[in-house]
Each structure stands twice: as structure tokens, then as C-alpha cells.
């Protein structure tokens, strides 16, 4: 039972890799809390968007993860 994590942009630098696999957990909060402290802090902010299986999660507090899900972390976009 596992989740595939995908880190986009500068978040891949924070994670040290663009992708990794972790043991499945039931919630996004549990997933983020189980990562390294610096990475957890980088991913936990409200400006980081999270997509599960290609769809942006509107409310990460109530979203339930399932075995095999792909969870992508998208950094804030800037520029113009």
C-alpha cells in the first residue's frame, strides 16, 4: 500500500527529488506530517496547491487518500 508523491518546481528541490513513494496514509495532513520537518513546512502552506490523481484538492482538511493515489504538490506561481 503506497502513495506516489510528485514535487513540482522548487518543491522538487526542497524534496531532493521530483518523485517518491511513501506508505499510504488516510489524509493529506498525515501525509505532510510524516515527511521531513523542512519539507513538511514547505508543503504545508496555503499557497501550495495539491492535486490528487490530476485534480486539484479544494479542501485538504477533509480529503481522504487511497492506496495507489498520486499526490502532486504545486508551488505558488509568480511572474507576469
N, C-alpha and C. Protein backbone atom coordinates (compact mmCIF):
# COMPACT_ATOMS: atom_id res chain seq x y z
N UNK A 1 0.84 -1.17 0.00
CA UNK A 1 0.00 0.00 0.00
C UNK A 1 0.89 1.24 0.00
N UNK A 2 0.74 2.06 -1.05
CA UNK A 2 1.64 3.20 -1.18
C UNK A 2 0.96 4.35 -1.91
N UNK A 3 1.55 5.52 -1.73
CA UNK A 3 1.17 6.73 -2.45
C UNK A 3 2.37 7.18 -3.27
N UNK A 4 2.12 7.71 -4.45
CA UNK A 4 3.19 8.29 -5.26
C UNK A 4 3.12 9.80 -5.06
N UNK A 5 4.23 10.39 -4.62
CA UNK A 5 4.31 11.83 -4.44
C UNK A 5 5.07 12.44 -5.60
N UNK A 6 4.57 13.55 -6.12
CA UNK A 6 5.21 14.28 -7.20
C UNK A 6 5.42 15.71 -6.73
N UNK A 7 6.66 16.17 -6.81
CA UNK A 7 7.01 17.52 -6.38
C UNK A 7 7.35 18.35 -7.61
N UNK A 8 6.65 19.45 -7.79
CA UNK A 8 6.83 20.29 -8.97
C UNK A 8 7.68 21.51 -8.63
N UNK A 9 8.40 22.01 -9.63
CA UNK A 9 9.17 23.25 -9.49
C UNK A 9 10.15 23.23 -8.34
N UNK A 10 10.18 24.32 -7.60
CA UNK A 10 11.14 24.45 -6.49
C UNK A 10 10.86 23.47 -5.36
N UNK A 11 9.65 22.90 -5.32
CA UNK A 11 9.35 21.91 -4.28
C UNK A 11 10.15 20.63 -4.50
N UNK A 12 10.51 20.34 -5.76
CA UNK A 12 11.37 19.19 -6.04
C UNK A 12 12.75 19.40 -5.43
N UNK A 13 13.21 20.65 -5.44
CA UNK A 13 14.50 20.96 -4.81
C UNK A 13 14.40 20.75 -3.30
N UNK A 14 13.31 21.19 -2.70
CA UNK A 14 13.11 21.00 -1.26
C UNK A 14 13.04 19.53 -0.88
N UNK A 15 12.42 18.72 -1.76
CA UNK A 15 12.27 17.29 -1.50
C UNK A 15 13.52 16.50 -1.85
N UNK A 16 14.39 17.08 -2.68
CA UNK A 16 15.58 16.38 -3.11
C UNK A 16 15.32 15.41 -4.24
N UNK A 17 14.10 15.40 -4.76
CA UNK A 17 13.72 14.51 -5.85
C UNK A 17 12.40 15.00 -6.43
N UNK A 18 12.11 14.62 -7.68
CA UNK A 18 10.84 15.01 -8.29
C UNK A 18 9.71 14.07 -7.90
N UNK A 19 10.05 12.83 -7.55
CA UNK A 19 9.04 11.83 -7.19
C UNK A 19 9.55 10.95 -6.07
N UNK A 20 8.61 10.46 -5.28
CA UNK A 20 8.95 9.45 -4.28
C UNK A 20 7.70 8.66 -3.93
N UNK A 21 7.90 7.49 -3.40
CA UNK A 21 6.80 6.64 -2.97
C UNK A 21 6.85 6.52 -1.45
N UNK A 22 5.68 6.64 -0.82
CA UNK A 22 5.59 6.52 0.64
C UNK A 22 4.44 5.59 0.98
N UNK A 23 4.45 5.10 2.21
CA UNK A 23 3.36 4.25 2.68
C UNK A 23 2.06 5.05 2.68
N UNK A 24 0.97 4.39 2.32
CA UNK A 24 -0.33 5.05 2.28
C UNK A 24 -0.77 5.49 3.67
N UNK A 25 -1.33 6.68 3.73
CA UNK A 25 -1.93 7.23 4.95
C UNK A 25 -3.31 7.76 4.57
N UNK A 26 -4.20 7.95 5.55
CA UNK A 26 -5.58 8.30 5.20
C UNK A 26 -5.83 9.76 4.84
N UNK A 27 -4.94 10.67 5.21
CA UNK A 27 -5.24 12.09 4.98
C UNK A 27 -4.01 12.85 4.49
N UNK A 28 -4.27 13.99 3.89
CA UNK A 28 -3.19 14.86 3.44
C UNK A 28 -2.40 15.39 4.63
N UNK A 29 -3.10 15.72 5.71
CA UNK A 29 -2.42 16.22 6.91
C UNK A 29 -1.45 15.17 7.45
N UNK A 30 -1.87 13.91 7.49
CA UNK A 30 -1.00 12.84 7.98
C UNK A 30 0.18 12.63 7.03
N UNK A 31 -0.07 12.76 5.74
CA UNK A 31 0.99 12.62 4.75
C UNK A 31 2.06 13.69 4.96
N UNK A 32 1.64 14.94 5.04
CA UNK A 32 2.59 16.04 5.20
C UNK A 32 3.32 15.93 6.54
N UNK A 33 2.61 15.58 7.59
CA UNK A 33 3.23 15.46 8.93
C UNK A 33 4.28 14.36 8.97
N UNK A 34 4.15 13.34 8.12
CA UNK A 34 5.08 12.22 8.12
C UNK A 34 6.36 12.46 7.33
N UNK A 35 6.46 13.60 6.68
CA UNK A 35 7.66 13.92 5.90
C UNK A 35 8.68 14.64 6.76
N UNK A 36 9.87 14.85 6.21
CA UNK A 36 10.92 15.56 6.95
C UNK A 36 10.40 16.94 7.36
N UNK A 37 10.84 17.45 8.52
CA UNK A 37 10.32 18.73 9.02
C UNK A 37 10.44 19.90 8.04
N UNK A 38 11.57 20.05 7.37
CA UNK A 38 11.73 21.16 6.42
C UNK A 38 10.80 21.01 5.23
N UNK A 39 10.67 19.80 4.72
CA UNK A 39 9.78 19.55 3.60
C UNK A 39 8.33 19.73 4.02
N UNK A 40 7.99 19.22 5.18
CA UNK A 40 6.64 19.38 5.72
C UNK A 40 6.26 20.85 5.82
N UNK A 41 7.18 21.67 6.30
CA UNK A 41 6.92 23.11 6.41
C UNK A 41 6.73 23.74 5.03
N UNK A 42 7.52 23.32 4.05
CA UNK A 42 7.41 23.87 2.70
C UNK A 42 6.09 23.49 2.03
N UNK A 43 5.58 22.30 2.33
CA UNK A 43 4.36 21.81 1.68
C UNK A 43 3.09 22.22 2.40
N UNK A 44 3.20 22.57 3.66
CA UNK A 44 2.01 22.81 4.47
C UNK A 44 1.35 24.16 4.30
N UNK A 45 2.01 25.08 3.63
CA UNK A 45 1.45 26.42 3.49
C UNK A 45 0.22 26.46 2.59
N UNK A 46 -0.64 27.46 2.78
CA UNK A 46 -1.87 27.55 1.99
C UNK A 46 -1.64 27.90 0.52
N UNK A 47 -0.47 28.41 0.17
CA UNK A 47 -0.20 28.78 -1.22
C UNK A 47 0.22 27.58 -2.07
N UNK A 48 0.61 26.49 -1.44
CA UNK A 48 0.96 25.27 -2.17
C UNK A 48 -0.33 24.54 -2.52
N UNK A 49 -0.53 24.30 -3.80
CA UNK A 49 -1.72 23.56 -4.25
C UNK A 49 -1.39 22.07 -4.27
N UNK A 50 -2.42 21.27 -4.02
CA UNK A 50 -2.26 19.82 -4.01
C UNK A 50 -3.25 19.22 -4.99
N UNK A 51 -2.75 18.33 -5.84
CA UNK A 51 -3.61 17.62 -6.78
C UNK A 51 -3.51 16.13 -6.48
N UNK A 52 -4.64 15.46 -6.46
CA UNK A 52 -4.68 14.01 -6.28
C UNK A 52 -5.24 13.41 -7.55
N UNK A 53 -4.45 12.55 -8.15
CA UNK A 53 -4.83 11.90 -9.41
C UNK A 53 -5.23 12.92 -10.48
N UNK A 54 -4.49 14.04 -10.51
CA UNK A 54 -4.70 15.03 -11.55
C UNK A 54 -5.75 16.08 -11.28
N UNK A 55 -6.40 16.05 -10.11
CA UNK A 55 -7.44 17.02 -9.79
C UNK A 55 -7.04 17.80 -8.55
N UNK A 56 -7.14 19.14 -8.64
CA UNK A 56 -6.80 19.99 -7.50
C UNK A 56 -7.76 19.71 -6.35
N UNK A 57 -7.20 19.57 -5.16
CA UNK A 57 -7.99 19.33 -3.95
C UNK A 57 -8.46 20.68 -3.41
N UNK A 58 -9.78 20.84 -3.29
CA UNK A 58 -10.34 22.11 -2.81
C UNK A 58 -10.18 22.27 -1.30
N UNK A 59 -10.37 21.19 -0.55
CA UNK A 59 -10.28 21.27 0.91
C UNK A 59 -9.44 20.11 1.41
N UNK A 60 -8.17 20.37 1.62
CA UNK A 60 -7.25 19.30 2.03
C UNK A 60 -7.57 18.75 3.41
N UNK A 61 -8.30 19.50 4.23
CA UNK A 61 -8.62 19.05 5.59
C UNK A 61 -9.59 17.88 5.60
N UNK A 62 -10.43 17.76 4.58
CA UNK A 62 -11.43 16.69 4.59
C UNK A 62 -11.19 15.63 3.51
N UNK A 63 -10.17 15.81 2.69
CA UNK A 63 -9.92 14.88 1.59
C UNK A 63 -9.33 13.57 2.11
N UNK A 64 -9.85 12.45 1.63
CA UNK A 64 -9.37 11.13 2.03
C UNK A 64 -8.50 10.54 0.92
N UNK A 65 -7.30 10.10 1.30
CA UNK A 65 -6.40 9.46 0.35
C UNK A 65 -6.66 7.96 0.31
N UNK A 66 -6.34 7.35 -0.85
CA UNK A 66 -6.50 5.91 -1.02
C UNK A 66 -5.19 5.31 -1.54
N UNK A 67 -5.00 4.05 -1.24
CA UNK A 67 -3.82 3.34 -1.74
C UNK A 67 -3.72 3.52 -3.25
N UNK A 68 -2.53 3.83 -3.72
CA UNK A 68 -2.28 3.99 -5.14
C UNK A 68 -2.48 5.40 -5.67
N UNK A 69 -2.97 6.32 -4.84
CA UNK A 69 -3.16 7.70 -5.29
C UNK A 69 -1.83 8.36 -5.65
N UNK A 70 -1.89 9.26 -6.63
CA UNK A 70 -0.76 10.11 -6.95
C UNK A 70 -1.05 11.49 -6.38
N UNK A 71 -0.18 11.97 -5.52
CA UNK A 71 -0.36 13.26 -4.86
C UNK A 71 0.72 14.20 -5.39
N UNK A 72 0.29 15.26 -6.07
CA UNK A 72 1.23 16.23 -6.63
C UNK A 72 1.18 17.53 -5.82
N UNK A 73 2.35 18.07 -5.54
CA UNK A 73 2.47 19.33 -4.81
C UNK A 73 2.94 20.39 -5.80
N UNK A 74 2.13 21.45 -5.95
CA UNK A 74 2.41 22.50 -6.92
C UNK A 74 2.75 23.80 -6.20
N UNK A 75 3.92 24.36 -6.50
CA UNK A 75 4.34 25.58 -5.81
C UNK A 75 3.51 26.78 -6.26
N UNK A 76 3.55 27.86 -5.47
CA UNK A 76 2.87 29.08 -5.90
C UNK A 76 3.47 29.57 -7.22
N UNK A 77 2.63 30.14 -8.06
CA UNK A 77 3.08 30.65 -9.35
C UNK A 77 3.28 32.15 -9.22
N UNK A 78 4.36 32.63 -9.79
CA UNK A 78 4.60 34.07 -9.78
C UNK A 78 5.12 34.50 -11.14
N UNK A 79 5.17 35.75 -11.34
CA UNK A 79 5.66 36.26 -12.62
C UNK A 79 4.58 37.03 -13.33
N UNK A 80 4.88 37.42 -14.53
CA UNK A 80 3.86 38.21 -15.20
C UNK A 80 4.14 38.47 -16.61
